[in-house]
Amino acid sequence: MDTPAIPTEVAGAELPFDVFARTCPSRETLEHVTGRWGSLILGALREGPCRFNELRRRVEGVSEKMLSQTLHALERDGVVHREAQPTNPPRVDYELTPLGIEVADRLLALIHLLEGKMPQVLSARQSYDETRGGR
């Protein structure tokens, strides 16, 4: 089975990555930063560096396993930096890289937009549920 090529040009402009292409690596990174836990972790880290348990308390509902997996993925993608201090017990701090700050700022703009529009969203949900006979 042939894998589709990732387009490299659109209207004469170079486009090395295309998130809409199935095999494009940008799709995986997009999933990491926009998934439920990734976006919340990035938002929390935008407030400043955190230790693992601080992040766990800040991002309510995330399990230790999901937090660890998500941090590893974000670190691999270059948006989170992990620094282990050689102390006893070991101290590990997480903070955003410059790329992570840029991504988090854009995510937070979307988060703040949604928070501000929640009365409209809730009203739309209620109207939808009423016309569809409930949820």
C-alpha atoms as a PDB file:
ATOM      1  CA  MET A   1       0.000   0.000   0.000  1.00  0.00           C
ATOM      2  CA  ASP A   2       1.462   3.351  -1.036  1.00  0.00           C
ATOM      3  CA  THR A   3       1.586   6.127   1.489  1.00  0.00           C
ATOM      4  CA  PRO A   4       0.309   9.437   0.111  1.00  0.00           C
ATOM      5  CA  ALA A   5       2.976  12.076  -0.334  1.00  0.00           C
ATOM      6  CA  ILE A   6       2.842  15.149   1.828  1.00  0.00           C
ATOM      7  CA  PRO A   7       2.280  18.165  -0.427  1.00  0.00           C
ATOM      8  CA  THR A   8       5.240  20.518  -0.532  1.00  0.00           C
ATOM      9  CA  GLU A   9       3.682  23.346  -2.540  1.00  0.00           C
ATOM     10  CA  VAL A  10       0.368  25.181  -2.594  1.00  0.00           C
ATOM     11  CA  ALA A  11      -0.061  27.942  -5.176  1.00  0.00           C
ATOM     12  CA  GLY A  12       3.704  28.202  -5.565  1.00  0.00           C
ATOM     13  CA  ALA A  13       4.375  28.620  -1.844  1.00  0.00           C
ATOM     14  CA  GLU A  14       6.422  25.990  -0.092  1.00  0.00           C
ATOM     15  CA  LEU A  15       4.407  24.009   2.435  1.00  0.00           C
ATOM     16  CA  PRO A  16       6.611  21.370   4.047  1.00  0.00           C
ATOM     17  CA  PHE A  17       3.953  20.137   6.464  1.00  0.00           C
ATOM     18  CA  ASP A  18       0.212  19.675   6.036  1.00  0.00           C
ATOM     19  CA  VAL A  19      -1.766  18.649   9.114  1.00  0.00           C
ATOM     20  CA  PHE A  20      -4.576  17.421   6.846  1.00  0.00           C
ATOM     21  CA  ALA A  21      -2.291  14.787   5.292  1.00  0.00           C
ATOM     22  CA  ARG A  22      -2.608  11.467   7.083  1.00  0.00           C
ATOM     23  CA  THR A  23       1.143  10.885   7.319  1.00  0.00           C
ATOM     24  CA  CYS A  24       2.208  14.394   8.276  1.00  0.00           C
ATOM     25  CA  PRO A  25       4.035  14.465  11.631  1.00  0.00           C
ATOM     26  CA  SER A  26       2.415  17.802  12.485  1.00  0.00           C
ATOM     27  CA  ARG A  27      -0.869  15.931  13.030  1.00  0.00           C
ATOM     28  CA  GLU A  28       0.594  14.059  16.011  1.00  0.00           C
ATOM     29  CA  THR A  29       1.913  17.255  17.567  1.00  0.00           C
ATOM     30  CA  LEU A  30      -1.436  18.966  17.041  1.00  0.00           C
ATOM     31  CA  GLU A  31      -3.072  16.078  18.878  1.00  0.00           C
ATOM     32  CA  HIS A  32      -0.607  16.403  21.761  1.00  0.00           C
ATOM     33  CA  VAL A  33      -1.162  20.131  22.276  1.00  0.00           C
ATOM     34  CA  THR A  34      -4.920  20.263  21.630  1.00  0.00           C
ATOM     35  CA  GLY A  35      -5.964  17.107  23.429  1.00  0.00           C
ATOM     36  CA  ARG A  36      -7.798  17.590  26.694  1.00  0.00           C
ATOM     37  CA  TRP A  37      -4.771  17.073  28.929  1.00  0.00           C
ATOM     38  CA  GLY A  38      -2.173  18.648  26.652  1.00  0.00           C
ATOM     39  CA  SER A  39      -3.994  21.949  26.352  1.00  0.00           C
ATOM     40  CA  LEU A  40      -4.727  22.107  30.078  1.00  0.00           C
ATOM     41  CA  ILE A  41      -1.122  21.259  30.999  1.00  0.00           C
ATOM     42  CA  LEU A  42       0.213  23.895  28.604  1.00  0.00           C
ATOM     43  CA  GLY A  43      -2.210  26.437  30.063  1.00  0.00           C
ATOM     44  CA  ALA A  44      -1.131  25.591  33.594  1.00  0.00           C
ATOM     45  CA  LEU A  45       2.558  25.772  32.709  1.00  0.00           C
ATOM     46  CA  ARG A  46       2.012  29.194  31.114  1.00  0.00           C
ATOM     47  CA  GLU A  47       1.546  30.447  34.676  1.00  0.00           C
ATOM     48  CA  GLY A  48       5.132  29.349  35.431  1.00  0.00           C
ATOM     49  CA  PRO A  49       7.275  26.283  36.090  1.00  0.00           C
ATOM     50  CA  CYS A  50       5.660  23.498  38.121  1.00  0.00           C
ATOM     51  CA  ARG A  51       6.575  20.274  39.778  1.00  0.00           C
ATOM     52  CA  PHE A  52       4.675  17.123  38.829  1.00  0.00           C
ATOM     53  CA  ASN A  53       2.321  17.131  41.822  1.00  0.00           C
ATOM     54  CA  GLU A  54       1.677  20.862  41.482  1.00  0.00           C
ATOM     55  CA  LEU A  55       0.548  20.223  37.913  1.00  0.00           C
ATOM     56  CA  ARG A  56      -1.618  17.339  39.064  1.00  0.00           C
ATOM     57  CA  ARG A  57      -3.373  19.557  41.576  1.00  0.00           C
ATOM     58  CA  ARG A  58      -3.751  22.405  39.065  1.00  0.00           C
ATOM     59  CA  VAL A  59      -5.179  20.215  36.287  1.00  0.00           C
ATOM     60  CA  GLU A  60      -8.047  18.619  38.185  1.00  0.00           C
ATOM     61  CA  GLY A  61      -9.051  15.158  37.045  1.00  0.00           C
ATOM     62  CA  VAL A  62      -5.828  14.158  35.298  1.00  0.00           C
ATOM     63  CA  SER A  63      -4.456  10.834  36.470  1.00  0.00           C
ATOM     64  CA  GLU A  64      -0.811  10.405  37.338  1.00  0.00           C
ATOM     65  CA  LYS A  65      -0.397   8.100  34.339  1.00  0.00           C
ATOM     66  CA  MET A  66      -2.018  10.534  31.867  1.00  0.00           C
ATOM     67  CA  LEU A  67      -0.044  13.465  33.247  1.00  0.00           C
ATOM     68  CA  SER A  68       3.192  11.545  32.866  1.00  0.00           C
ATOM     69  CA  GLN A  69       2.372  10.362  29.329  1.00  0.00           C
ATOM     70  CA  THR A  70       1.282  13.817  28.230  1.00  0.00           C
ATOM     71  CA  LEU A  71       4.350  15.512  29.692  1.00  0.00           C
ATOM     72  CA  HIS A  72       6.600  12.999  27.896  1.00  0.00           C
ATOM     73  CA  ALA A  73       4.843  13.661  24.577  1.00  0.00           C
ATOM     74  CA  LEU A  74       5.039  17.441  25.035  1.00  0.00           C
ATOM     75  CA  GLU A  75       8.703  17.209  26.010  1.00  0.00           C
ATOM     76  CA  ARG A  76       9.438  15.075  22.943  1.00  0.00           C
ATOM     77  CA  ASP A  77       7.688  17.660  20.748  1.00  0.00           C
ATOM     78  CA  GLY A  78       9.866  20.413  22.223  1.00  0.00           C
ATOM     79  CA  VAL A  79       7.143  22.427  23.931  1.00  0.00           C
ATOM     80  CA  VAL A  80       7.924  21.395  27.514  1.00  0.00           C
ATOM     81  CA  HIS A  81      11.325  21.268  29.211  1.00  0.00           C
ATOM     82  CA  ARG A  82      11.921  18.825  32.064  1.00  0.00           C
ATOM     83  CA  GLU A  83      14.671  19.544  34.546  1.00  0.00           C
ATOM     84  CA  ALA A  84      15.628  17.001  37.186  1.00  0.00           C
ATOM     85  CA  GLN A  85      17.517  18.311  40.208  1.00  0.00           C
ATOM     86  CA  PRO A  86      20.014  15.898  41.810  1.00  0.00           C
ATOM     87  CA  THR A  87      18.492  16.157  45.276  1.00  0.00           C
ATOM     88  CA  ASN A  88      17.126  13.583  47.673  1.00  0.00           C
ATOM     89  CA  PRO A  89      14.273  13.089  47.015  1.00  0.00           C
ATOM     90  CA  PRO A  90      14.708  14.027  43.351  1.00  0.00           C
ATOM     91  CA  ARG A  91      13.070  17.273  42.298  1.00  0.00           C
ATOM     92  CA  VAL A  92      11.710  17.557  38.763  1.00  0.00           C
ATOM     93  CA  ASP A  93      10.456  20.832  37.351  1.00  0.00           C
ATOM     94  CA  TYR A  94       8.522  21.333  34.125  1.00  0.00           C
ATOM     95  CA  GLU A  95       8.380  24.559  32.178  1.00  0.00           C
ATOM     96  CA  LEU A  96       7.481  25.733  28.714  1.00  0.00           C
ATOM     97  CA  THR A  97      10.104  26.199  26.030  1.00  0.00           C
ATOM     98  CA  PRO A  98       9.906  29.297  23.808  1.00  0.00           C
ATOM     99  CA  LEU A  99       7.856  27.215  21.346  1.00  0.00           C
ATOM    100  CA  GLY A 100       5.667  26.041  24.225  1.00  0.00           C
ATOM    101  CA  ILE A 101       5.026  29.623  25.314  1.00  0.00           C
ATOM    102  CA  GLU A 102       3.908  30.542  21.802  1.00  0.00           C
ATOM    103  CA  VAL A 103       1.621  27.498  21.573  1.00  0.00           C
ATOM    104  CA  ALA A 104       0.215  28.055  25.083  1.00  0.00           C
ATOM    105  CA  ASP A 105      -0.538  31.717  24.347  1.00  0.00           C
ATOM    106  CA  ARG A 106      -2.618  30.720  21.325  1.00  0.00           C
ATOM    107  CA  LEU A 107      -4.389  27.951  23.237  1.00  0.00           C
ATOM    108  CA  LEU A 108      -5.154  30.304  26.121  1.00  0.00           C
ATOM    109  CA  ALA A 109      -6.660  32.813  23.697  1.00  0.00           C
ATOM    110  CA  LEU A 110      -9.038  30.081  22.522  1.00  0.00           C
ATOM    111  CA  ILE A 111      -9.735  28.952  26.095  1.00  0.00           C
ATOM    112  CA  HIS A 112     -10.551  32.511  27.183  1.00  0.00           C
ATOM    113  CA  LEU A 113     -12.790  33.014  24.151  1.00  0.00           C
ATOM    114  CA  LEU A 114     -14.726  29.846  24.998  1.00  0.00           C
ATOM    115  CA  GLU A 115     -15.006  30.743  28.683  1.00  0.00           C
ATOM    116  CA  GLY A 116     -16.382  34.154  27.736  1.00  0.00           C
ATOM    117  CA  LYS A 117     -18.902  32.653  25.318  1.00  0.00           C
ATOM    118  CA  MET A 118     -20.221  29.940  27.650  1.00  0.00           C
ATOM    119  CA  PRO A 119     -23.598  31.653  28.227  1.00  0.00           C
ATOM    120  CA  GLN A 120     -24.167  31.444  24.440  1.00  0.00           C
ATOM    121  CA  VAL A 121     -22.943  27.852  24.341  1.00  0.00           C
ATOM    122  CA  LEU A 122     -25.188  26.806  27.216  1.00  0.00           C
ATOM    123  CA  SER A 123     -28.156  28.543  25.607  1.00  0.00           C
ATOM    124  CA  ALA A 124     -27.453  26.800  22.286  1.00  0.00           C
ATOM    125  CA  ARG A 125     -27.212  23.439  24.060  1.00  0.00           C
ATOM    126  CA  GLN A 126     -30.520  24.019  25.820  1.00  0.00           C
ATOM    127  CA  SER A 127     -32.249  24.977  22.551  1.00  0.00           C
ATOM    128  CA  TYR A 128     -30.760  21.982  20.789  1.00  0.00           C
ATOM    129  CA  ASP A 129     -31.830  19.583  23.556  1.00  0.00           C
ATOM    130  CA  GLU A 130     -35.355  21.040  23.630  1.00  0.00           C
ATOM    131  CA  THR A 131     -35.832  20.632  19.875  1.00  0.00           C
ATOM    132  CA  ARG A 132     -34.352  17.132  19.894  1.00  0.00           C
ATOM    133  CA  GLY A 133     -36.407  15.855  22.813  1.00  0.00           C
ATOM    134  CA  GLY A 134     -33.692  16.067  25.442  1.00  0.00           C
ATOM    135  CA  ARG A 135     -30.291  14.572  25.679  1.00  0.00           C
END
